């Protein structure tokens, strides 16, 4: 019997088999547990949004990646 991905506990064995098989080994880095590893996300921003992000970063004296990280942290906080 197939499970319901919306209500079953996550993850189920095999849930990510297709995605894992599609990953190019050149895009993987194996890191031992407890080594202080971190996850890096690549965010694509183009056109006017890229210009806007660069302008915001320059105005704050920060890198665009720092501005994106701040936006994510702020979005995760409960509304006042």
N, C-alpha and C. Protein backbone atom coordinates (compact mmCIF):
# COMPACT_ATOMS: atom_id res chain seq x y z
N UNK A 1 0.85 -1.18 0.00
CA UNK A 1 0.00 0.00 0.00
C UNK A 1 0.89 1.24 0.00
N UNK A 2 0.64 2.14 -0.91
CA UNK A 2 1.44 3.36 -1.01
C UNK A 2 1.04 4.31 0.11
N UNK A 3 2.04 5.00 0.64
CA UNK A 3 1.78 5.96 1.70
C UNK A 3 1.33 7.30 1.16
N UNK A 4 0.87 8.15 2.04
CA UNK A 4 0.46 9.50 1.66
C UNK A 4 1.58 10.45 2.06
N UNK A 5 2.29 11.06 1.09
CA UNK A 5 3.41 11.92 1.41
C UNK A 5 3.01 13.17 2.20
N UNK A 6 1.72 13.51 2.21
CA UNK A 6 1.27 14.70 2.93
C UNK A 6 1.00 14.42 4.40
N UNK A 7 0.72 13.16 4.75
CA UNK A 7 0.36 12.88 6.15
C UNK A 7 1.28 11.88 6.84
N UNK A 8 2.03 11.08 6.09
CA UNK A 8 2.94 10.10 6.69
C UNK A 8 4.14 10.80 7.31
N UNK A 9 4.74 10.17 8.33
CA UNK A 9 5.96 10.75 8.91
C UNK A 9 7.04 10.89 7.83
N UNK A 10 7.82 11.92 7.94
CA UNK A 10 8.90 12.17 6.96
C UNK A 10 10.23 11.85 7.54
N UNK A 11 11.19 11.52 6.75
CA UNK A 11 11.01 10.96 5.41
C UNK A 11 10.77 9.47 5.49
N UNK A 12 10.22 8.92 4.43
CA UNK A 12 9.99 7.49 4.32
C UNK A 12 11.12 6.89 3.48
N UNK A 13 11.48 5.63 3.74
CA UNK A 13 12.51 5.00 2.90
C UNK A 13 12.15 5.09 1.43
N UNK A 14 13.10 5.53 0.65
CA UNK A 14 12.89 5.64 -0.79
C UNK A 14 12.32 6.96 -1.26
N UNK A 15 11.92 7.84 -0.33
CA UNK A 15 11.31 9.12 -0.71
C UNK A 15 12.19 9.93 -1.65
N UNK A 16 13.49 9.88 -1.45
CA UNK A 16 14.39 10.73 -2.23
C UNK A 16 15.30 9.96 -3.16
N UNK A 17 14.98 8.69 -3.41
CA UNK A 17 15.84 7.87 -4.26
C UNK A 17 16.03 8.48 -5.64
N UNK A 18 14.96 8.94 -6.29
CA UNK A 18 15.08 9.51 -7.64
C UNK A 18 15.92 10.78 -7.62
N UNK A 19 15.71 11.62 -6.62
CA UNK A 19 16.47 12.87 -6.53
C UNK A 19 17.95 12.58 -6.28
N UNK A 20 18.22 11.63 -5.39
CA UNK A 20 19.61 11.28 -5.09
C UNK A 20 20.31 10.67 -6.30
N UNK A 21 19.60 9.87 -7.06
CA UNK A 21 20.18 9.26 -8.25
C UNK A 21 20.49 10.31 -9.32
N UNK A 22 19.74 11.41 -9.32
CA UNK A 22 19.92 12.45 -10.34
C UNK A 22 21.04 13.43 -10.00
N UNK A 23 21.56 13.39 -8.77
CA UNK A 23 22.61 14.33 -8.37
C UNK A 23 23.92 13.97 -9.04
N UNK A 24 24.56 14.97 -9.58
CA UNK A 24 25.88 14.78 -10.19
C UNK A 24 26.89 14.64 -9.05
N UNK A 25 27.68 13.58 -9.03
CA UNK A 25 28.66 13.38 -7.95
C UNK A 25 29.62 14.56 -7.78
N UNK A 26 29.83 15.33 -8.84
CA UNK A 26 30.70 16.51 -8.72
C UNK A 26 30.08 17.59 -7.84
N UNK A 27 28.77 17.51 -7.62
CA UNK A 27 28.07 18.50 -6.80
C UNK A 27 27.96 18.07 -5.34
N UNK A 28 28.56 16.96 -4.96
CA UNK A 28 28.50 16.46 -3.60
C UNK A 28 29.80 16.68 -2.86
N UNK A 29 29.66 16.88 -1.57
CA UNK A 29 30.82 16.95 -0.70
C UNK A 29 30.48 16.15 0.55
N UNK A 30 31.26 15.13 0.85
CA UNK A 30 31.03 14.30 2.03
C UNK A 30 31.74 14.95 3.20
N UNK A 31 31.01 15.15 4.30
CA UNK A 31 31.54 15.79 5.49
C UNK A 31 31.26 14.89 6.68
N UNK A 32 32.27 14.63 7.46
CA UNK A 32 32.10 13.79 8.65
C UNK A 32 31.25 14.51 9.69
N UNK A 33 30.43 13.76 10.40
CA UNK A 33 29.58 14.34 11.44
C UNK A 33 30.43 15.01 12.51
N UNK A 34 29.94 16.14 13.01
CA UNK A 34 30.62 16.84 14.08
C UNK A 34 31.79 17.69 13.62
N UNK A 35 31.94 17.87 12.32
CA UNK A 35 33.07 18.64 11.83
C UNK A 35 32.74 20.13 11.66
N UNK A 36 31.58 20.55 12.12
CA UNK A 36 31.20 21.97 11.98
C UNK A 36 30.72 22.29 10.57
N UNK A 37 30.19 21.32 9.87
CA UNK A 37 29.72 21.53 8.50
C UNK A 37 28.56 22.51 8.46
N UNK A 38 28.33 23.11 7.31
CA UNK A 38 27.20 24.00 7.12
C UNK A 38 26.61 23.73 5.74
N UNK A 39 25.40 24.17 5.54
CA UNK A 39 24.71 24.02 4.27
C UNK A 39 24.80 25.35 3.53
N UNK A 40 25.14 25.28 2.26
CA UNK A 40 25.21 26.47 1.43
C UNK A 40 24.16 26.35 0.33
N UNK A 41 23.30 27.34 0.23
CA UNK A 41 22.29 27.38 -0.81
C UNK A 41 22.70 28.39 -1.87
N UNK A 42 22.48 28.06 -3.11
CA UNK A 42 22.75 28.99 -4.20
C UNK A 42 21.41 29.57 -4.63
N UNK A 43 21.28 30.88 -4.51
CA UNK A 43 20.04 31.57 -4.85
C UNK A 43 20.28 32.36 -6.13
N UNK A 44 19.42 32.18 -7.10
CA UNK A 44 19.52 32.92 -8.35
C UNK A 44 18.62 34.14 -8.33
N UNK A 45 19.20 35.30 -8.59
CA UNK A 45 18.43 36.54 -8.66
C UNK A 45 18.87 37.23 -9.94
N UNK A 46 17.91 37.66 -10.75
CA UNK A 46 18.26 38.25 -12.04
C UNK A 46 17.49 39.55 -12.27
N UNK A 47 17.94 40.27 -13.27
CA UNK A 47 17.24 41.47 -13.71
C UNK A 47 17.13 42.54 -12.64
N UNK A 48 15.94 43.14 -12.58
CA UNK A 48 15.71 44.23 -11.63
C UNK A 48 15.86 43.77 -10.18
N UNK A 49 15.52 42.52 -9.91
CA UNK A 49 15.67 42.02 -8.55
C UNK A 49 17.15 41.97 -8.16
N UNK A 50 18.02 41.60 -9.09
CA UNK A 50 19.46 41.57 -8.80
C UNK A 50 19.98 42.98 -8.53
N UNK A 51 19.54 43.94 -9.32
CA UNK A 51 19.95 45.33 -9.12
C UNK A 51 19.46 45.83 -7.76
N UNK A 52 18.21 45.48 -7.43
CA UNK A 52 17.63 45.89 -6.14
C UNK A 52 18.41 45.28 -4.98
N UNK A 53 18.76 44.00 -5.09
CA UNK A 53 19.52 43.33 -4.03
C UNK A 53 20.89 43.97 -3.86
N UNK A 54 21.56 44.26 -4.96
CA UNK A 54 22.87 44.92 -4.88
C UNK A 54 22.75 46.30 -4.23
N UNK A 55 21.70 47.04 -4.58
CA UNK A 55 21.48 48.37 -3.99
C UNK A 55 21.22 48.27 -2.48
N UNK A 56 20.38 47.31 -2.07
CA UNK A 56 20.11 47.12 -0.64
C UNK A 56 21.39 46.75 0.10
N UNK A 57 22.16 45.86 -0.47
CA UNK A 57 23.41 45.42 0.18
C UNK A 57 24.38 46.59 0.32
N UNK A 58 24.54 47.37 -0.74
CA UNK A 58 25.46 48.52 -0.68
C UNK A 58 25.00 49.52 0.37
N UNK A 59 23.71 49.78 0.44
CA UNK A 59 23.17 50.74 1.41
C UNK A 59 23.40 50.28 2.84
N UNK A 60 23.44 48.97 3.05
CA UNK A 60 23.65 48.43 4.39
C UNK A 60 25.11 48.12 4.67
N UNK A 61 25.96 48.29 3.66
CA UNK A 61 27.38 47.99 3.83
C UNK A 61 27.63 46.50 3.99
N UNK A 62 26.84 45.69 3.30
CA UNK A 62 26.94 44.24 3.43
C UNK A 62 27.01 43.59 2.06
N UNK A 63 27.30 42.29 2.05
CA UNK A 63 27.27 41.51 0.82
C UNK A 63 25.82 41.11 0.53
N UNK A 64 25.49 40.92 -0.75
CA UNK A 64 24.13 40.47 -1.07
C UNK A 64 23.74 39.19 -0.32
N UNK A 65 24.66 38.27 -0.14
CA UNK A 65 24.33 37.03 0.57
C UNK A 65 23.94 37.30 2.02
N UNK A 66 24.56 38.31 2.63
CA UNK A 66 24.20 38.67 4.01
C UNK A 66 22.80 39.26 4.07
N UNK A 67 22.43 40.04 3.07
CA UNK A 67 21.09 40.62 3.03
C UNK A 67 20.04 39.52 2.87
N UNK A 68 20.31 38.55 2.00
CA UNK A 68 19.37 37.43 1.82
C UNK A 68 19.24 36.64 3.12
N UNK A 69 20.36 36.39 3.81
CA UNK A 69 20.32 35.67 5.08
C UNK A 69 19.48 36.43 6.11
N UNK A 70 19.63 37.75 6.16
CA UNK A 70 18.84 38.57 7.09
C UNK A 70 17.35 38.47 6.76
N UNK A 71 17.03 38.52 5.47
CA UNK A 71 15.63 38.42 5.05
C UNK A 71 15.03 37.10 5.49
N UNK A 72 15.79 36.02 5.35
CA UNK A 72 15.30 34.71 5.78
C UNK A 72 15.10 34.66 7.29
N UNK A 73 16.05 35.20 8.04
CA UNK A 73 15.90 35.20 9.50
C UNK A 73 14.71 36.03 9.92
N UNK A 74 14.53 37.20 9.29
CA UNK A 74 13.40 38.06 9.63
C UNK A 74 12.07 37.40 9.29
N UNK A 75 12.01 36.68 8.18
CA UNK A 75 10.78 36.03 7.77
C UNK A 75 10.40 34.89 8.71
N UNK A 76 11.38 34.34 9.41
CA UNK A 76 11.14 33.22 10.32
C UNK A 76 10.67 33.67 11.70
N UNK A 77 10.76 34.96 11.97
CA UNK A 77 10.33 35.48 13.28
C UNK A 77 8.82 35.65 13.29
N UNK A 78 8.21 35.44 14.47
CA UNK A 78 6.76 35.66 14.56
C UNK A 78 6.42 37.13 14.35
N UNK A 79 5.24 37.37 13.76
CA UNK A 79 4.79 38.74 13.55
C UNK A 79 4.53 39.42 14.88
N UNK A 80 4.77 40.72 14.93
CA UNK A 80 4.58 41.48 16.18
C UNK A 80 3.13 41.70 16.49
